[in-house]
Amino acid sequence: MIETLIGNTPLVRMNRAIYAKFEAYNPSGSVKDRMALYIIKKAEQREELRPGNTIVEATSGNTGIAMAMVGASRGYKVIIIMPQNMSVERKQMIRAYGAEIIEVGNNAFTDAIQMKEKMCAENEGFFNPRQFSNPDNVACHTETTAKEILNQTPIFSPIRGLILGSGTGGTIMGVHAALKERYPDMQTIQVQPAEDNASHGIQGINDGKDFLLDSSILDGVIKVGTQEASDRSRLLAREKGLLVGISSGANLVAAERWSQNRILRGGIVITMLCDRGERYLSCY
């Protein structure tokens, strides 16, 4: 049942030129539902994941929630390893789906990944989704997210820019591949925190490495501060009634900044509202 609810999310017009894919409509509330389902189904088809196995993944939160949800719906035990400074709401959601959490140090994504790799190597029956290096993570967004965007964009409105933050790199790489094929002159801009990796509070982006991201695809980078991103997401809730996460605020700030002084000639800019805001209420 869950897989019928994932994807086919709305493309919301934010202003004259900016359209945002509203991924909060996915059942666990984030874009990561797409990747979790896609990776698990592909692993089952390849018989890498079998009944009775345990799914073990390192995450800043949304992938953990999505893996816990999809795992529960398909009968798998799930163990999530995550930095201890991720929001309490994310941890509560993961546990609500019946998954176990192991915490590591603040922003210690490398430690979480190393622990996951060690656990999977030492325990038969532990399945490693490898979200940070798995090409299925990219393919998922080329085959689903990007195709939906192309079907949803207004006729005669070419896409001039794709403005997205990056965690694993799977979303920006996958969406870029399909959109760039249709619109070769489109620019792809990565959103990054203005602060360094150890201190920023935009959970879900810039986890310390590029992982799946090939930086050669990028036409530029826009840096957004944590406070500015948080303020923008709160304003979106109060002005538009859309309660979204902090990375969504960062994406929107960057899209507004990038498009502000450009002549788009009837074109549009694509960004993403990646998740729901309830999981960050303790961070605002």
C-alpha atoms as a PDB file:
ATOM      1  CA  MET A   1       0.000   0.000   0.000  1.00  0.00           C
ATOM      2  CA  ILE A   2       2.749   2.461   0.946  1.00  0.00           C
ATOM      3  CA  GLU A   3       4.343   2.441  -2.499  1.00  0.00           C
ATOM      4  CA  THR A   4       1.126   3.678  -4.103  1.00  0.00           C
ATOM      5  CA  LEU A   5       1.350   6.787  -1.905  1.00  0.00           C
ATOM      6  CA  ILE A   6       4.946   7.725  -2.745  1.00  0.00           C
ATOM      7  CA  GLY A   7       5.647  10.241  -5.499  1.00  0.00           C
ATOM      8  CA  ASN A   8       3.337  12.178  -7.807  1.00  0.00           C
ATOM      9  CA  THR A   9       3.700  15.188  -5.521  1.00  0.00           C
ATOM     10  CA  PRO A  10       2.455  18.655  -6.556  1.00  0.00           C
ATOM     11  CA  LEU A  11       4.593  21.281  -8.262  1.00  0.00           C
ATOM     12  CA  VAL A  12       3.662  24.491  -6.438  1.00  0.00           C
ATOM     13  CA  ARG A  13       3.971  27.949  -7.992  1.00  0.00           C
ATOM     14  CA  MET A  14       5.753  30.109  -5.402  1.00  0.00           C
ATOM     15  CA  ASN A  15       5.831  33.309  -7.472  1.00  0.00           C
ATOM     16  CA  ARG A  16       5.863  34.364 -11.118  1.00  0.00           C
ATOM     17  CA  ALA A  17       8.962  32.336 -11.955  1.00  0.00           C
ATOM     18  CA  ILE A  18       9.697  29.866  -9.129  1.00  0.00           C
ATOM     19  CA  TYR A  19       8.054  26.442  -8.902  1.00  0.00           C
ATOM     20  CA  ALA A  20       8.746  24.068  -5.994  1.00  0.00           C
ATOM     21  CA  LYS A  21       8.245  20.307  -5.887  1.00  0.00           C
ATOM     22  CA  PHE A  22       6.254  19.772  -2.689  1.00  0.00           C
ATOM     23  CA  GLU A  23       7.771  16.557  -1.318  1.00  0.00           C
ATOM     24  CA  ALA A  24       6.032  16.891   2.045  1.00  0.00           C
ATOM     25  CA  TYR A  25       3.122  15.079   0.389  1.00  0.00           C
ATOM     26  CA  ASN A  26       5.002  11.775   0.568  1.00  0.00           C
ATOM     27  CA  PRO A  27       3.652   9.481   3.335  1.00  0.00           C
ATOM     28  CA  SER A  28       6.530   9.932   5.802  1.00  0.00           C
ATOM     29  CA  GLY A  29       6.780  13.580   4.801  1.00  0.00           C
ATOM     30  CA  SER A  30       9.956  13.899   2.739  1.00  0.00           C
ATOM     31  CA  VAL A  31      11.600  13.354  -0.633  1.00  0.00           C
ATOM     32  CA  LYS A  32      13.587  10.471   0.890  1.00  0.00           C
ATOM     33  CA  ASP A  33      10.543   8.188   0.658  1.00  0.00           C
ATOM     34  CA  ARG A  34      11.232   7.883  -3.066  1.00  0.00           C
ATOM     35  CA  MET A  35      14.808   6.744  -2.608  1.00  0.00           C
ATOM     36  CA  ALA A  36      14.080   4.367   0.274  1.00  0.00           C
ATOM     37  CA  LEU A  37      11.372   2.522  -1.659  1.00  0.00           C
ATOM     38  CA  TYR A  38      13.387   2.438  -4.888  1.00  0.00           C
ATOM     39  CA  ILE A  39      16.574   1.094  -3.262  1.00  0.00           C
ATOM     40  CA  ILE A  40      14.714  -1.534  -1.227  1.00  0.00           C
ATOM     41  CA  LYS A  41      12.690  -2.781  -4.212  1.00  0.00           C
ATOM     42  CA  LYS A  42      15.796  -2.983  -6.424  1.00  0.00           C
ATOM     43  CA  ALA A  43      17.660  -4.874  -3.693  1.00  0.00           C
ATOM     44  CA  GLU A  44      14.775  -7.334  -3.376  1.00  0.00           C
ATOM     45  CA  GLN A  45      14.738  -7.870  -7.146  1.00  0.00           C
ATOM     46  CA  ARG A  46      18.486  -8.585  -7.092  1.00  0.00           C
ATOM     47  CA  GLU A  47      17.988 -10.855  -4.022  1.00  0.00           C
ATOM     48  CA  GLU A  48      20.431  -8.718  -2.025  1.00  0.00           C
ATOM     49  CA  LEU A  49      17.646  -8.151   0.507  1.00  0.00           C
ATOM     50  CA  ARG A  50      15.664 -11.168   1.671  1.00  0.00           C
ATOM     51  CA  PRO A  51      12.892 -11.845   4.199  1.00  0.00           C
ATOM     52  CA  GLY A  52      14.302 -11.843   7.735  1.00  0.00           C
ATOM     53  CA  ASN A  53      17.138  -9.427   6.906  1.00  0.00           C
ATOM     54  CA  THR A  54      17.807  -6.219   8.850  1.00  0.00           C
ATOM     55  CA  ILE A  55      18.209  -2.875   7.076  1.00  0.00           C
ATOM     56  CA  VAL A  56      21.009  -0.731   8.549  1.00  0.00           C
ATOM     57  CA  GLU A  57      21.611   2.844   7.360  1.00  0.00           C
ATOM     58  CA  ALA A  58      23.425   6.007   8.442  1.00  0.00           C
ATOM     59  CA  THR A  59      21.432   9.209   8.060  1.00  0.00           C
ATOM     60  CA  SER A  60      20.820  12.737   9.298  1.00  0.00           C
ATOM     61  CA  GLY A  61      17.184  11.804   9.736  1.00  0.00           C
ATOM     62  CA  ASN A  62      14.857  11.846   6.719  1.00  0.00           C
ATOM     63  CA  THR A  63      16.341   8.734   5.110  1.00  0.00           C
ATOM     64  CA  GLY A  64      16.064   7.034   8.481  1.00  0.00           C
ATOM     65  CA  ILE A  65      12.388   7.931   8.740  1.00  0.00           C
ATOM     66  CA  ALA A  66      11.772   6.752   5.174  1.00  0.00           C
ATOM     67  CA  MET A  67      13.714   3.499   5.621  1.00  0.00           C
ATOM     68  CA  ALA A  68      11.867   2.827   8.892  1.00  0.00           C
ATOM     69  CA  MET A  69       8.512   3.390   7.175  1.00  0.00           C
ATOM     70  CA  VAL A  70       9.259   1.302   4.069  1.00  0.00           C
ATOM     71  CA  GLY A  71      10.959  -1.385   6.163  1.00  0.00           C
ATOM     72  CA  ALA A  72       7.925  -1.638   8.453  1.00  0.00           C
ATOM     73  CA  SER A  73       5.575  -1.913   5.477  1.00  0.00           C
ATOM     74  CA  ARG A  74       7.634  -4.778   4.002  1.00  0.00           C
ATOM     75  CA  GLY A  75       8.394  -6.670   7.206  1.00  0.00           C
ATOM     76  CA  TYR A  76      12.050  -5.774   7.844  1.00  0.00           C
ATOM     77  CA  LYS A  77      13.764  -4.798  11.070  1.00  0.00           C
ATOM     78  CA  VAL A  78      15.528  -1.425  10.665  1.00  0.00           C
ATOM     79  CA  ILE A  79      18.520   0.046  12.538  1.00  0.00           C
ATOM     80  CA  ILE A  80      19.331   3.734  11.993  1.00  0.00           C
ATOM     81  CA  ILE A  81      22.668   5.349  12.931  1.00  0.00           C
ATOM     82  CA  MET A  82      22.563   9.141  13.191  1.00  0.00           C
ATOM     83  CA  PRO A  83      24.319  12.134  14.799  1.00  0.00           C
ATOM     84  CA  GLN A  84      22.942  12.924  18.240  1.00  0.00           C
ATOM     85  CA  ASN A  85      22.268  16.601  17.428  1.00  0.00           C
ATOM     86  CA  MET A  86      19.613  15.847  14.833  1.00  0.00           C
ATOM     87  CA  SER A  87      16.128  16.998  15.847  1.00  0.00           C
ATOM     88  CA  VAL A  88      14.253  15.122  18.554  1.00  0.00           C
ATOM     89  CA  GLU A  89      11.199  14.966  16.280  1.00  0.00           C
ATOM     90  CA  ARG A  90      13.140  13.025  13.637  1.00  0.00           C
ATOM     91  CA  LYS A  91      14.200  10.491  16.249  1.00  0.00           C
ATOM     92  CA  GLN A  92      10.648  10.180  17.551  1.00  0.00           C
ATOM     93  CA  MET A  93       9.343   9.498  14.052  1.00  0.00           C
ATOM     94  CA  ILE A  94      11.965   6.809  13.395  1.00  0.00           C
ATOM     95  CA  ARG A  95      11.081   5.061  16.656  1.00  0.00           C
ATOM     96  CA  ALA A  96       7.353   5.407  15.909  1.00  0.00           C
ATOM     97  CA  TYR A  97       7.861   3.150  12.874  1.00  0.00           C
ATOM     98  CA  GLY A  98       9.518   0.553  15.119  1.00  0.00           C
ATOM     99  CA  ALA A  99      13.154   1.150  14.131  1.00  0.00           C
ATOM    100  CA  GLU A 100      16.125   1.167  16.487  1.00  0.00           C
ATOM    101  CA  ILE A 101      18.424   4.217  16.693  1.00  0.00           C
ATOM    102  CA  ILE A 102      22.148   4.284  17.465  1.00  0.00           C
ATOM    103  CA  GLU A 103      23.522   7.804  18.029  1.00  0.00           C
ATOM    104  CA  VAL A 104      27.028   9.124  17.308  1.00  0.00           C
ATOM    105  CA  GLY A 105      28.605  12.542  17.956  1.00  0.00           C
ATOM    106  CA  ASN A 106      27.290  15.889  16.730  1.00  0.00           C
ATOM    107  CA  ASN A 107      27.408  16.137  12.903  1.00  0.00           C
ATOM    108  CA  ALA A 108      29.594  12.977  12.918  1.00  0.00           C
ATOM    109  CA  PHE A 109      28.301  11.631   9.607  1.00  0.00           C
ATOM    110  CA  THR A 110      31.600   9.943   8.780  1.00  0.00           C
ATOM    111  CA  ASP A 111      31.488   8.089  12.114  1.00  0.00           C
ATOM    112  CA  ALA A 112      27.893   7.016  11.427  1.00  0.00           C
ATOM    113  CA  ILE A 113      28.803   5.693   7.980  1.00  0.00           C
ATOM    114  CA  GLN A 114      31.859   3.827   9.314  1.00  0.00           C
ATOM    115  CA  MET A 115      29.808   2.227  12.090  1.00  0.00           C
ATOM    116  CA  LYS A 116      27.169   1.149   9.578  1.00  0.00           C
ATOM    117  CA  GLU A 117      29.774  -0.368   7.251  1.00  0.00           C
ATOM    118  CA  LYS A 118      31.367  -2.272  10.151  1.00  0.00           C
ATOM    119  CA  MET A 119      28.032  -3.603  11.407  1.00  0.00           C
ATOM    120  CA  CYS A 120      26.992  -4.796   7.956  1.00  0.00           C
ATOM    121  CA  ALA A 121      30.369  -6.452   7.335  1.00  0.00           C
ATOM    122  CA  GLU A 122      30.284  -8.309  10.648  1.00  0.00           C
ATOM    123  CA  ASN A 123      26.646  -9.433  10.711  1.00  0.00           C
ATOM    124  CA  GLU A 124      25.208 -11.835   8.176  1.00  0.00           C
ATOM    125  CA  GLY A 125      21.712 -10.800   7.232  1.00  0.00           C
ATOM    126  CA  PHE A 126      22.355  -7.065   7.656  1.00  0.00           C
ATOM    127  CA  PHE A 127      21.531  -5.160   4.456  1.00  0.00           C
ATOM    128  CA  ASN A 128      23.395  -1.941   3.646  1.00  0.00           C
ATOM    129  CA  PRO A 129      21.367   0.398   1.371  1.00  0.00           C
ATOM    130  CA  ARG A 130      24.521   2.523   0.770  1.00  0.00           C
ATOM    131  CA  GLN A 131      22.490   5.683   0.184  1.00  0.00           C
ATOM    132  CA  PHE A 132      25.680   7.770  -0.040  1.00  0.00           C
ATOM    133  CA  SER A 133      27.172   5.751  -2.908  1.00  0.00           C
ATOM    134  CA  ASN A 134      24.320   3.741  -4.433  1.00  0.00           C
ATOM    135  CA  PRO A 135      23.573   4.694  -8.071  1.00  0.00           C
ATOM    136  CA  ASP A 136      19.948   3.645  -7.459  1.00  0.00           C
ATOM    137  CA  ASN A 137      19.677   6.822  -5.381  1.00  0.00           C
ATOM    138  CA  VAL A 138      20.347   8.877  -8.537  1.00  0.00           C
ATOM    139  CA  ALA A 139      18.286   6.690 -10.883  1.00  0.00           C
ATOM    140  CA  CYS A 140      15.280   7.012  -8.595  1.00  0.00           C
ATOM    141  CA  HIS A 141      15.085  10.773  -9.160  1.00  0.00           C
ATOM    142  CA  THR A 142      15.788  10.594 -12.881  1.00  0.00           C
ATOM    143  CA  GLU A 143      12.981   8.067 -13.330  1.00  0.00           C
ATOM    144  CA  THR A 144      10.408   9.567 -10.951  1.00  0.00           C
ATOM    145  CA  THR A 145      10.997  13.075  -9.596  1.00  0.00           C
ATOM    146  CA  ALA A 146      12.363  14.615 -12.791  1.00  0.00           C
ATOM    147  CA  LYS A 147       9.767  12.975 -15.038  1.00  0.00           C
ATOM    148  CA  GLU A 148       7.010  14.360 -12.833  1.00  0.00           C
ATOM    149  CA  ILE A 149       8.530  17.852 -12.985  1.00  0.00           C
ATOM    150  CA  LEU A 150       8.715  17.738 -16.780  1.00  0.00           C
ATOM    151  CA  ASN A 151       5.075  16.648 -16.960  1.00  0.00           C
ATOM    152  CA  GLN A 152       3.967  19.335 -14.497  1.00  0.00           C
ATOM    153  CA  THR A 153       5.772  22.419 -15.800  1.00  0.00           C
ATOM    154  CA  PRO A 154       3.717  24.863 -17.845  1.00  0.00           C
ATOM    155  CA  ILE A 155       3.804  24.480 -21.631  1.00  0.00           C
ATOM    156  CA  PHE A 156       6.027  27.073 -23.312  1.00  0.00           C
ATOM    157  CA  SER A 157       7.871  27.761 -20.025  1.00  0.00           C
ATOM    158  CA  PRO A 158      11.411  26.389 -20.370  1.00  0.00           C
ATOM    159  CA  ILE A 159      13.320  25.548 -17.201  1.00  0.00           C
ATOM    160  CA  ARG A 160      16.161  28.077 -16.794  1.00  0.00           C
ATOM    161  CA  GLY A 161      17.482  26.978 -13.421  1.00  0.00           C
ATOM    162  CA  LEU A 162      17.492  24.039 -10.986  1.00  0.00           C
ATOM    163  CA  ILE A 163      18.273  25.257  -7.454  1.00  0.00           C
ATOM    164  CA  LEU A 164      18.755  22.516  -4.837  1.00  0.00           C
ATOM    165  CA  GLY A 165      20.666  21.682  -1.709  1.00  0.00           C
ATOM    166  CA  SER A 166      22.519  18.383  -1.567  1.00  0.00           C
ATOM    167  CA  GLY A 167      22.867  15.724   1.110  1.00  0.00           C
ATOM    168  CA  THR A 168      23.815  12.452  -0.570  1.00  0.00           C
ATOM    169  CA  GLY A 169      23.716  14.167  -3.977  1.00  0.00           C
ATOM    170  CA  GLY A 170      21.159  11.703  -5.318  1.00  0.00           C
ATOM    171  CA  THR A 171      18.299  14.162  -5.805  1.00  0.00           C
ATOM    172  CA  ILE A 172      20.243  16.949  -7.516  1.00  0.00           C
ATOM    173  CA  MET A 173      22.136  14.501  -9.750  1.00  0.00           C
ATOM    174  CA  GLY A 174      19.054  12.538 -10.769  1.00  0.00           C
ATOM    175  CA  VAL A 175      16.830  15.541 -11.422  1.00  0.00           C
ATOM    176  CA  HIS A 176      19.618  17.399 -13.239  1.00  0.00           C
ATOM    177  CA  ALA A 177      20.212  14.487 -15.640  1.00  0.00           C
ATOM    178  CA  ALA A 178      16.653  14.444 -16.983  1.00  0.00           C
ATOM    179  CA  LEU A 179      16.026  18.206 -16.957  1.00  0.00           C
ATOM    180  CA  LYS A 180      19.349  19.021 -18.628  1.00  0.00           C
ATOM    181  CA  GLU A 181      18.572  16.586 -21.444  1.00  0.00           C
ATOM    182  CA  ARG A 182      15.345  18.488 -22.179  1.00  0.00           C
ATOM    183  CA  TYR A 183      16.791  21.965 -21.523  1.00  0.00           C
ATOM    184  CA  PRO A 184      20.527  22.013 -22.379  1.00  0.00           C
ATOM    185  CA  ASP A 185      20.910  25.693 -21.439  1.00  0.00           C
ATOM    186  CA  MET A 186      19.514  25.163 -17.935  1.00  0.00           C
ATOM    187  CA  GLN A 187      21.824  26.076 -15.061  1.00  0.00           C
ATOM    188  CA  THR A 188      22.151  23.835 -11.989  1.00  0.00           C
ATOM    189  CA  ILE A 189      22.946  25.623  -8.732  1.00  0.00           C
ATOM    190  CA  GLN A 190      23.815  23.901  -5.461  1.00  0.00           C
ATOM    191  CA  VAL A 191      22.576  25.407  -2.196  1.00  0.00           C
ATOM    192  CA  GLN A 192      25.128  25.232   0.624  1.00  0.00           C
ATOM    193  CA  PRO A 193      25.078  26.441   4.249  1.00  0.00           C
ATOM    194  CA  ALA A 194      26.948  29.694   4.842  1.00  0.00           C
ATOM    195  CA  GLU A 195      28.438  28.201   8.019  1.00  0.00           C
ATOM    196  CA  ASP A 196      30.966  25.362   8.104  1.00  0.00           C
ATOM    197  CA  ASN A 197      29.892  21.727   8.232  1.00  0.00           C
ATOM    198  CA  ALA A 198      30.429  21.411  11.968  1.00  0.00           C
ATOM    199  CA  SER A 199      28.241  24.352  12.971  1.00  0.00           C
ATOM    200  CA  HIS A 200      25.431  24.810  10.435  1.00  0.00           C
ATOM    201  CA  GLY A 201      21.869  23.877  11.353  1.00  0.00           C
ATOM    202  CA  ILE A 202      20.336  23.155   7.946  1.00  0.00           C
ATOM    203  CA  GLN A 203      19.745  19.478   8.605  1.00  0.00           C
ATOM    204  CA  GLY A 204      19.895  17.257   5.531  1.00  0.00           C
ATOM    205  CA  ILE A 205      22.340  19.194   3.350  1.00  0.00           C
ATOM    206  CA  ASN A 206      26.133  19.403   3.209  1.00  0.00           C
ATOM    207  CA  ASP A 207      26.835  16.357   5.337  1.00  0.00           C
ATOM    208  CA  GLY A 208      30.585  16.900   4.976  1.00  0.00           C
ATOM    209  CA  LYS A 209      31.295  15.254   1.592  1.00  0.00           C
ATOM    210  CA  ASP A 210      30.022  15.367  -1.977  1.00  0.00           C
ATOM    211  CA  PHE A 211      29.171  11.631  -1.979  1.00  0.00           C
ATOM    212  CA  LEU A 212      27.168  11.061  -5.211  1.00  0.00           C
ATOM    213  CA  LEU A 213      27.424  14.667  -6.377  1.00  0.00           C
ATOM    214  CA  ASP A 214      29.600  15.277  -9.434  1.00  0.00           C
ATOM    215  CA  SER A 215      30.483  18.939  -8.944  1.00  0.00           C
ATOM    216  CA  SER A 216      31.286  19.308 -12.656  1.00  0.00           C
ATOM    217  CA  ILE A 217      27.538  19.508 -13.367  1.00  0.00           C
ATOM    218  CA  LEU A 218      27.210  22.657 -11.266  1.00  0.00           C
ATOM    219  CA  ASP A 219      27.002  26.134 -12.742  1.00  0.00           C
ATOM    220  CA  GLY A 220      27.366  27.776  -9.354  1.00  0.00           C
ATOM    221  CA  VAL A 221      26.834  27.650  -5.606  1.00  0.00           C
ATOM    222  CA  ILE A 222      24.652  29.856  -3.413  1.00  0.00           C
ATOM    223  CA  LYS A 223      25.354  29.953   0.318  1.00  0.00           C
ATOM    224  CA  VAL A 224      22.482  30.496   2.755  1.00  0.00           C
ATOM    225  CA  GLY A 225      22.821  30.975   6.505  1.00  0.00           C
ATOM    226  CA  THR A 226      20.966  28.739   8.955  1.00  0.00           C
ATOM    227  CA  GLN A 227      19.015  31.642  10.477  1.00  0.00           C
ATOM    228  CA  GLU A 228      18.001  32.976   7.056  1.00  0.00           C
ATOM    229  CA  ALA A 229      16.819  29.512   5.988  1.00  0.00           C
ATOM    230  CA  SER A 230      14.902  29.000   9.233  1.00  0.00           C
ATOM    231  CA  ASP A 231      13.288  32.442   8.996  1.00  0.00           C
ATOM    232  CA  ARG A 232      12.217  31.799   5.397  1.00  0.00           C
ATOM    233  CA  SER A 233      10.608  28.464   6.247  1.00  0.00           C
ATOM    234  CA  ARG A 234       8.697  30.045   9.157  1.00  0.00           C
ATOM    235  CA  LEU A 235       7.550  32.897   6.915  1.00  0.00           C
ATOM    236  CA  LEU A 236       6.325  30.383   4.345  1.00  0.00           C
ATOM    237  CA  ALA A 237       4.140  28.764   7.018  1.00  0.00           C
ATOM    238  CA  ARG A 238       2.670  32.087   8.121  1.00  0.00           C
ATOM    239  CA  GLU A 239       2.158  33.592   4.668  1.00  0.00           C
ATOM    240  CA  LYS A 240       1.329  30.541   2.525  1.00  0.00           C
ATOM    241  CA  GLY A 241       0.244  27.951   5.080  1.00  0.00           C
ATOM    242  CA  LEU A 242       3.072  25.597   4.035  1.00  0.00           C
ATOM    243  CA  LEU A 243       4.909  24.226   7.078  1.00  0.00           C
ATOM    244  CA  VAL A 244       8.200  22.935   5.684  1.00  0.00           C
ATOM    245  CA  GLY A 245      11.706  22.152   6.905  1.00  0.00           C
ATOM    246  CA  ILE A 246      14.766  24.372   7.180  1.00  0.00           C
ATOM    247  CA  SER A 247      16.428  23.047   4.001  1.00  0.00           C
ATOM    248  CA  SER A 248      13.261  24.002   2.117  1.00  0.00           C
ATOM    249  CA  GLY A 249      13.709  27.551   3.391  1.00  0.00           C
ATOM    250  CA  ALA A 250      17.320  27.490   2.177  1.00  0.00           C
ATOM    251  CA  ASN A 251      16.249  26.257  -1.268  1.00  0.00           C
ATOM    252  CA  LEU A 252      13.642  28.992  -1.577  1.00  0.00           C
ATOM    253  CA  VAL A 253      16.014  31.758  -0.444  1.00  0.00           C
ATOM    254  CA  ALA A 254      18.572  30.597  -3.020  1.00  0.00           C
ATOM    255  CA  ALA A 255      15.993  30.326  -5.817  1.00  0.00           C
ATOM    256  CA  GLU A 256      14.712  33.830  -5.066  1.00  0.00           C
ATOM    257  CA  ARG A 257      18.236  35.223  -4.964  1.00  0.00           C
ATOM    258  CA  TRP A 258      19.288  33.503  -8.203  1.00  0.00           C
ATOM    259  CA  SER A 259      16.237  34.559 -10.197  1.00  0.00           C
ATOM    260  CA  GLN A 260      15.992  38.102  -8.842  1.00  0.00           C
ATOM    261  CA  ASN A 261      18.231  39.870 -11.350  1.00  0.00           C
ATOM    262  CA  ARG A 262      17.957  37.485 -14.272  1.00  0.00           C
ATOM    263  CA  ILE A 263      15.996  37.914 -17.460  1.00  0.00           C
ATOM    264  CA  LEU A 264      14.255  34.539 -17.698  1.00  0.00           C
ATOM    265  CA  ARG A 265      12.464  35.277 -20.998  1.00  0.00           C
ATOM    266  CA  GLY A 266       9.319  33.418 -19.946  1.00  0.00           C
ATOM    267  CA  GLY A 267      11.306  30.618 -18.352  1.00  0.00           C
ATOM    268  CA  ILE A 268      10.946  29.217 -14.847  1.00  0.00           C
ATOM    269  CA  VAL A 269      13.100  28.083 -11.936  1.00  0.00           C
ATOM    270  CA  ILE A 270      12.685  24.718 -10.211  1.00  0.00           C
ATOM    271  CA  THR A 271      13.433  24.107  -6.547  1.00  0.00           C
ATOM    272  CA  MET A 272      12.121  21.750  -3.862  1.00  0.00           C
ATOM    273  CA  LEU A 273      10.300  21.869  -0.545  1.00  0.00           C
ATOM    274  CA  CYS A 274      11.966  18.712   0.723  1.00  0.00           C
ATOM    275  CA  ASP A 275      10.027  17.825   3.850  1.00  0.00           C
ATOM    276  CA  ARG A 276       7.420  18.781   6.429  1.00  0.00           C
ATOM    277  CA  GLY A 277       8.256  21.227   9.186  1.00  0.00           C
ATOM    278  CA  GLU A 278       6.865  19.331  12.187  1.00  0.00           C
ATOM    279  CA  ARG A 279      10.138  17.452  12.535  1.00  0.00           C
ATOM    280  CA  TYR A 280      12.006  20.728  13.217  1.00  0.00           C
ATOM    281  CA  LEU A 281       9.718  22.485  15.701  1.00  0.00           C
ATOM    282  CA  SER A 282      12.288  22.096  18.477  1.00  0.00           C
ATOM    283  CA  CYS A 283      14.895  23.772  16.238  1.00  0.00           C
ATOM    284  CA  TYR A 284      12.950  26.951  15.405  1.00  0.00           C
END
